[in-house]
Amino acid sequence: IIQGESGTGKEYVSRMIHQNSKRSNKPFVAIDCGALSEELAGSELFGHLKGSFTGALSDKEGQFQAANGGTLFLDEIGNLSYEIQVKLLRAIQEGMVRKLGSNKDEEVDVRIIVATNEDLAEAAKTGDFREDLYHRLNEFKIFVSPLRERLGDIELFAGHFLERSNEELDKNITDISPSVIEKFKAYP
């Protein structure tokens, strides 16, 4: 579980975990669970067969299958419905997923990294998130602090974005004024 405020770089951290692992030559698939409607979440994560619901005009591979062998990053995991949490728990425990409309399980080998800006432990206690799923996901927890608590990183970021801007705009700006860096550091 990667936890931190919105904009702290949780997806970036998950990509770095993937890129520095033995799975780096396999797919990295990122899903924003907050953008999935309850109706589409099952199809998006696990896939579906043609005709399994209105609008299912062809078979669709789910993101678990797309990430097979690699890493599946589920951002805003707390937004998934109870029903999808049950299916997700099964996929993690059994290494198997079932497309909507199918009666066959498919084996998948996927590292799951999840992110949230909420307290999943508290959500599990109050029943807003499945406690068994929380414990299954909570093997490792990484907290990404906001930039305002890592002021030393501001110059690193500024230098990185200066380099990128120079390349994209064909410029050769060599540094950033110390007063600008101080303004950045004062920004909340």
C-alpha atoms as a PDB file:
ATOM      1  CA  ILE A   1       0.000   0.000   0.000  1.00  0.00           C
ATOM      2  CA  ILE A   2       1.325   3.403  -0.963  1.00  0.00           C
ATOM      3  CA  GLN A   3      -0.329   6.104   1.067  1.00  0.00           C
ATOM      4  CA  GLY A   4      -0.113   9.859   0.705  1.00  0.00           C
ATOM      5  CA  GLU A   5      -1.966  12.995  -0.224  1.00  0.00           C
ATOM      6  CA  SER A   6      -3.133  13.597  -3.785  1.00  0.00           C
ATOM      7  CA  GLY A   7      -0.234  14.738  -5.931  1.00  0.00           C
ATOM      8  CA  THR A   8       2.561  13.274  -3.797  1.00  0.00           C
ATOM      9  CA  GLY A   9       3.726  10.853  -6.493  1.00  0.00           C
ATOM     10  CA  LYS A  10       2.192   7.541  -5.438  1.00  0.00           C
ATOM     11  CA  GLU A  11       1.997   6.261  -9.016  1.00  0.00           C
ATOM     12  CA  TYR A  12       5.582   7.349  -9.627  1.00  0.00           C
ATOM     13  CA  VAL A  13       6.711   5.373  -6.565  1.00  0.00           C
ATOM     14  CA  SER A  14       4.849   2.310  -7.829  1.00  0.00           C
ATOM     15  CA  ARG A  15       6.486   2.646 -11.261  1.00  0.00           C
ATOM     16  CA  MET A  16       9.912   2.839  -9.623  1.00  0.00           C
ATOM     17  CA  ILE A  17       9.154  -0.311  -7.629  1.00  0.00           C
ATOM     18  CA  HIS A  18       8.195  -2.040 -10.876  1.00  0.00           C
ATOM     19  CA  GLN A  19      11.182  -0.731 -12.859  1.00  0.00           C
ATOM     20  CA  ASN A  20      13.629  -1.846 -10.164  1.00  0.00           C
ATOM     21  CA  SER A  21      12.204  -5.343  -9.806  1.00  0.00           C
ATOM     22  CA  LYS A  22      12.525  -8.682 -11.550  1.00  0.00           C
ATOM     23  CA  ARG A  23       9.212  -7.862 -13.261  1.00  0.00           C
ATOM     24  CA  SER A  24      10.568  -4.771 -15.007  1.00  0.00           C
ATOM     25  CA  ASN A  25      10.496  -6.401 -18.452  1.00  0.00           C
ATOM     26  CA  LYS A  26       6.783  -7.199 -18.053  1.00  0.00           C
ATOM     27  CA  PRO A  27       3.800  -4.809 -18.218  1.00  0.00           C
ATOM     28  CA  PHE A  28       3.056  -2.072 -15.718  1.00  0.00           C
ATOM     29  CA  VAL A  29      -0.675  -1.312 -15.787  1.00  0.00           C
ATOM     30  CA  ALA A  30      -2.162   1.581 -13.813  1.00  0.00           C
ATOM     31  CA  ILE A  31      -5.872   1.898 -13.056  1.00  0.00           C
ATOM     32  CA  ASP A  32      -7.625   4.823 -11.367  1.00  0.00           C
ATOM     33  CA  CYS A  33     -10.294   3.032  -9.350  1.00  0.00           C
ATOM     34  CA  GLY A  34     -11.903   6.388  -8.570  1.00  0.00           C
ATOM     35  CA  ALA A  35     -12.739   6.809 -12.257  1.00  0.00           C
ATOM     36  CA  LEU A  36     -14.429   3.388 -12.573  1.00  0.00           C
ATOM     37  CA  SER A  37     -18.170   3.149 -12.184  1.00  0.00           C
ATOM     38  CA  GLU A  38     -19.421   0.156 -10.216  1.00  0.00           C
ATOM     39  CA  GLU A  39     -20.815  -1.320 -13.446  1.00  0.00           C
ATOM     40  CA  LEU A  40     -17.538  -1.006 -15.371  1.00  0.00           C
ATOM     41  CA  ALA A  41     -15.075  -1.933 -12.616  1.00  0.00           C
ATOM     42  CA  GLY A  42     -15.530  -5.710 -12.978  1.00  0.00           C
ATOM     43  CA  SER A  43     -15.172  -5.586 -16.741  1.00  0.00           C
ATOM     44  CA  GLU A  44     -12.159  -3.276 -16.592  1.00  0.00           C
ATOM     45  CA  LEU A  45     -10.303  -5.321 -13.980  1.00  0.00           C
ATOM     46  CA  PHE A  46     -11.246  -8.881 -14.954  1.00  0.00           C
ATOM     47  CA  GLY A  47     -12.511  -8.607 -18.548  1.00  0.00           C
ATOM     48  CA  HIS A  48     -15.746  -9.865 -20.075  1.00  0.00           C
ATOM     49  CA  LEU A  49     -17.123 -12.111 -22.771  1.00  0.00           C
ATOM     50  CA  LYS A  50     -19.157 -10.881 -25.695  1.00  0.00           C
ATOM     51  CA  GLY A  51     -22.832 -10.686 -24.731  1.00  0.00           C
ATOM     52  CA  SER A  52     -22.234 -10.910 -20.980  1.00  0.00           C
ATOM     53  CA  PHE A  53     -24.085  -7.609 -20.507  1.00  0.00           C
ATOM     54  CA  THR A  54     -25.749  -4.960 -22.638  1.00  0.00           C
ATOM     55  CA  GLY A  55     -23.058  -3.255 -24.669  1.00  0.00           C
ATOM     56  CA  ALA A  56     -20.542  -6.123 -24.467  1.00  0.00           C
ATOM     57  CA  LEU A  57     -20.116  -6.361 -28.239  1.00  0.00           C
ATOM     58  CA  SER A  58     -16.861  -8.312 -28.131  1.00  0.00           C
ATOM     59  CA  ASP A  59     -14.616 -10.142 -25.685  1.00  0.00           C
ATOM     60  CA  LYS A  60     -12.476  -7.828 -23.572  1.00  0.00           C
ATOM     61  CA  GLU A  61      -9.251  -8.603 -21.762  1.00  0.00           C
ATOM     62  CA  GLY A  62      -9.164  -7.265 -18.225  1.00  0.00           C
ATOM     63  CA  GLN A  63      -6.315  -5.319 -16.697  1.00  0.00           C
ATOM     64  CA  PHE A  64      -5.287  -8.346 -14.613  1.00  0.00           C
ATOM     65  CA  GLN A  65      -4.675 -10.260 -17.841  1.00  0.00           C
ATOM     66  CA  ALA A  66      -2.940  -7.232 -19.411  1.00  0.00           C
ATOM     67  CA  ALA A  67      -0.569  -6.995 -16.438  1.00  0.00           C
ATOM     68  CA  ASN A  68       0.122 -10.740 -16.288  1.00  0.00           C
ATOM     69  CA  GLY A  69       3.727 -11.306 -15.222  1.00  0.00           C
ATOM     70  CA  GLY A  70       4.099  -7.645 -14.284  1.00  0.00           C
ATOM     71  CA  THR A  71       2.581  -5.104 -11.935  1.00  0.00           C
ATOM     72  CA  LEU A  72      -0.986  -3.854 -11.559  1.00  0.00           C
ATOM     73  CA  PHE A  73      -1.256  -0.470  -9.836  1.00  0.00           C
ATOM     74  CA  LEU A  74      -4.690   0.275  -8.378  1.00  0.00           C
ATOM     75  CA  ASP A  75      -4.971   3.936  -7.458  1.00  0.00           C
ATOM     76  CA  GLU A  76      -7.720   5.053  -5.041  1.00  0.00           C
ATOM     77  CA  ILE A  77      -8.429   1.437  -4.114  1.00  0.00           C
ATOM     78  CA  GLY A  78     -10.916   2.532  -1.452  1.00  0.00           C
ATOM     79  CA  ASN A  79     -13.421   3.518  -4.146  1.00  0.00           C
ATOM     80  CA  LEU A  80     -14.085  -0.074  -5.264  1.00  0.00           C
ATOM     81  CA  SER A  81     -17.466  -1.549  -4.376  1.00  0.00           C
ATOM     82  CA  TYR A  82     -17.837  -4.404  -1.900  1.00  0.00           C
ATOM     83  CA  GLU A  83     -18.581  -6.852  -4.739  1.00  0.00           C
ATOM     84  CA  ILE A  84     -15.413  -5.898  -6.622  1.00  0.00           C
ATOM     85  CA  GLN A  85     -13.392  -6.049  -3.389  1.00  0.00           C
ATOM     86  CA  VAL A  86     -14.549  -9.680  -2.984  1.00  0.00           C
ATOM     87  CA  LYS A  87     -13.406 -10.519  -6.525  1.00  0.00           C
ATOM     88  CA  LEU A  88     -10.136  -8.686  -5.991  1.00  0.00           C
ATOM     89  CA  LEU A  89      -9.476 -10.622  -2.788  1.00  0.00           C
ATOM     90  CA  ARG A  90     -10.066 -13.891  -4.639  1.00  0.00           C
ATOM     91  CA  ALA A  91      -7.744 -12.838  -7.461  1.00  0.00           C
ATOM     92  CA  ILE A  92      -4.996 -12.040  -4.955  1.00  0.00           C
ATOM     93  CA  GLN A  93      -5.464 -15.203  -2.871  1.00  0.00           C
ATOM     94  CA  GLU A  94      -5.940 -17.685  -5.702  1.00  0.00           C
ATOM     95  CA  GLY A  95      -4.043 -16.023  -8.542  1.00  0.00           C
ATOM     96  CA  MET A  96      -7.161 -16.568 -10.642  1.00  0.00           C
ATOM     97  CA  VAL A  97      -9.631 -14.221 -12.328  1.00  0.00           C
ATOM     98  CA  ARG A  98     -12.901 -14.874 -14.076  1.00  0.00           C
ATOM     99  CA  LYS A  99     -14.162 -12.696 -16.908  1.00  0.00           C
ATOM    100  CA  LEU A 100     -17.736 -11.448 -16.592  1.00  0.00           C
ATOM    101  CA  GLY A 101     -20.014 -13.925 -18.335  1.00  0.00           C
ATOM    102  CA  SER A 102     -17.502 -16.777 -18.150  1.00  0.00           C
ATOM    103  CA  ASN A 103     -17.470 -19.940 -16.081  1.00  0.00           C
ATOM    104  CA  LYS A 104     -13.723 -20.480 -16.528  1.00  0.00           C
ATOM    105  CA  ASP A 105     -10.992 -19.133 -14.292  1.00  0.00           C
ATOM    106  CA  GLU A 106      -7.771 -17.786 -15.789  1.00  0.00           C
ATOM    107  CA  GLU A 107      -4.488 -17.973 -13.928  1.00  0.00           C
ATOM    108  CA  VAL A 108      -2.656 -14.675 -13.499  1.00  0.00           C
ATOM    109  CA  ASP A 109       0.664 -13.780 -11.903  1.00  0.00           C
ATOM    110  CA  VAL A 110       0.444 -10.119 -10.973  1.00  0.00           C
ATOM    111  CA  ARG A 111       2.133  -7.978  -8.334  1.00  0.00           C
ATOM    112  CA  ILE A 112      -0.514  -5.702  -6.855  1.00  0.00           C
ATOM    113  CA  ILE A 113       0.413  -2.234  -5.665  1.00  0.00           C
ATOM    114  CA  VAL A 114      -2.412  -0.081  -4.373  1.00  0.00           C
ATOM    115  CA  ALA A 115      -2.544   3.569  -3.449  1.00  0.00           C
ATOM    116  CA  THR A 116      -4.886   5.715  -1.460  1.00  0.00           C
ATOM    117  CA  ASN A 117      -5.057   9.092   0.192  1.00  0.00           C
ATOM    118  CA  GLU A 118      -7.380   7.714   2.863  1.00  0.00           C
ATOM    119  CA  ASP A 119      -6.699   5.569   5.911  1.00  0.00           C
ATOM    120  CA  LEU A 120      -7.582   2.026   4.775  1.00  0.00           C
ATOM    121  CA  ALA A 121      -6.982   0.623   8.259  1.00  0.00           C
ATOM    122  CA  GLU A 122      -9.677   2.921   9.627  1.00  0.00           C
ATOM    123  CA  ALA A 123     -11.968   2.172   6.665  1.00  0.00           C
ATOM    124  CA  ALA A 124     -11.535  -1.557   7.392  1.00  0.00           C
ATOM    125  CA  LYS A 125     -12.420  -1.010  11.053  1.00  0.00           C
ATOM    126  CA  THR A 126     -15.589   0.906  10.172  1.00  0.00           C
ATOM    127  CA  GLY A 127     -16.623  -1.614   7.503  1.00  0.00           C
ATOM    128  CA  ASP A 128     -16.122   0.757   4.575  1.00  0.00           C
ATOM    129  CA  PHE A 129     -13.368  -1.515   3.223  1.00  0.00           C
ATOM    130  CA  ARG A 130     -13.071  -5.288   3.543  1.00  0.00           C
ATOM    131  CA  GLU A 131     -10.813  -6.069   6.470  1.00  0.00           C
ATOM    132  CA  ASP A 132      -9.539  -9.325   4.936  1.00  0.00           C
ATOM    133  CA  LEU A 133      -8.615  -7.513   1.716  1.00  0.00           C
ATOM    134  CA  TYR A 134      -6.866  -4.787   3.694  1.00  0.00           C
ATOM    135  CA  HIS A 135      -4.751  -7.362   5.548  1.00  0.00           C
ATOM    136  CA  ARG A 136      -3.934  -9.145   2.272  1.00  0.00           C
ATOM    137  CA  LEU A 137      -2.791  -5.872   0.680  1.00  0.00           C
ATOM    138  CA  ASN A 138      -0.987  -4.546   3.739  1.00  0.00           C
ATOM    139  CA  GLU A 139       2.200  -6.606   3.457  1.00  0.00           C
ATOM    140  CA  PHE A 140       4.245  -3.436   3.024  1.00  0.00           C
ATOM    141  CA  LYS A 141       3.174   0.161   3.497  1.00  0.00           C
ATOM    142  CA  ILE A 142       4.968   3.145   2.041  1.00  0.00           C
ATOM    143  CA  PHE A 143       3.989   6.646   3.089  1.00  0.00           C
ATOM    144  CA  VAL A 144       4.825   9.388   0.590  1.00  0.00           C
ATOM    145  CA  SER A 145       5.021  12.690   2.399  1.00  0.00           C
ATOM    146  CA  PRO A 146       3.964  15.899   0.652  1.00  0.00           C
ATOM    147  CA  LEU A 147       6.605  18.115  -0.910  1.00  0.00           C
ATOM    148  CA  ARG A 148       6.034  20.801   1.736  1.00  0.00           C
ATOM    149  CA  GLU A 149       7.600  18.330   4.191  1.00  0.00           C
ATOM    150  CA  ARG A 150      10.535  17.595   1.854  1.00  0.00           C
ATOM    151  CA  LEU A 151      11.780  21.090   1.050  1.00  0.00           C
ATOM    152  CA  GLY A 152      15.219  19.752   0.120  1.00  0.00           C
ATOM    153  CA  ASP A 153      13.654  17.976  -2.858  1.00  0.00           C
ATOM    154  CA  ILE A 154      12.392  21.221  -4.401  1.00  0.00           C
ATOM    155  CA  GLU A 155      15.762  22.078  -5.946  1.00  0.00           C
ATOM    156  CA  LEU A 156      16.029  18.540  -7.366  1.00  0.00           C
ATOM    157  CA  PHE A 157      12.587  18.821  -8.960  1.00  0.00           C
ATOM    158  CA  ALA A 158      13.284  22.335 -10.230  1.00  0.00           C
ATOM    159  CA  GLY A 159      16.533  21.151 -11.835  1.00  0.00           C
ATOM    160  CA  HIS A 160      14.792  18.161 -13.412  1.00  0.00           C
ATOM    161  CA  PHE A 161      12.010  20.275 -14.892  1.00  0.00           C
ATOM    162  CA  LEU A 162      14.497  22.914 -16.052  1.00  0.00           C
ATOM    163  CA  GLU A 163      16.362  20.198 -17.998  1.00  0.00           C
ATOM    164  CA  ARG A 164      13.139  18.884 -19.518  1.00  0.00           C
ATOM    165  CA  SER A 165      12.000  22.381 -20.468  1.00  0.00           C
ATOM    166  CA  ASN A 166      15.356  23.150 -22.073  1.00  0.00           C
ATOM    167  CA  GLU A 167      15.061  20.011 -24.206  1.00  0.00           C
ATOM    168  CA  GLU A 168      11.410  20.560 -25.164  1.00  0.00           C
ATOM    169  CA  LEU A 169      11.794  24.280 -25.902  1.00  0.00           C
ATOM    170  CA  ASP A 170      15.322  24.089 -27.317  1.00  0.00           C
ATOM    171  CA  LYS A 171      16.640  26.473 -24.659  1.00  0.00           C
ATOM    172  CA  ASN A 172      19.823  26.584 -22.614  1.00  0.00           C
ATOM    173  CA  ILE A 173      18.846  28.068 -19.262  1.00  0.00           C
ATOM    174  CA  THR A 174      21.497  27.011 -16.759  1.00  0.00           C
ATOM    175  CA  ASP A 175      20.004  27.746 -13.359  1.00  0.00           C
ATOM    176  CA  ILE A 176      17.070  29.008 -11.365  1.00  0.00           C
ATOM    177  CA  SER A 177      17.338  32.107  -9.236  1.00  0.00           C
ATOM    178  CA  PRO A 178      17.663  31.394  -5.487  1.00  0.00           C
ATOM    179  CA  SER A 179      14.770  33.789  -4.876  1.00  0.00           C
ATOM    180  CA  VAL A 180      12.546  31.609  -7.090  1.00  0.00           C
ATOM    181  CA  ILE A 181      13.596  28.504  -5.148  1.00  0.00           C
ATOM    182  CA  GLU A 182      12.695  30.345  -1.914  1.00  0.00           C
ATOM    183  CA  LYS A 183       9.273  31.220  -3.368  1.00  0.00           C
ATOM    184  CA  PHE A 184       8.767  27.538  -4.243  1.00  0.00           C
ATOM    185  CA  LYS A 185       9.699  26.543  -0.690  1.00  0.00           C
ATOM    186  CA  ALA A 186       7.220  29.045   0.762  1.00  0.00           C
ATOM    187  CA  TYR A 187       4.353  27.662  -1.321  1.00  0.00           C
ATOM    188  CA  PRO A 188       2.077  25.442   0.786  1.00  0.00           C
END
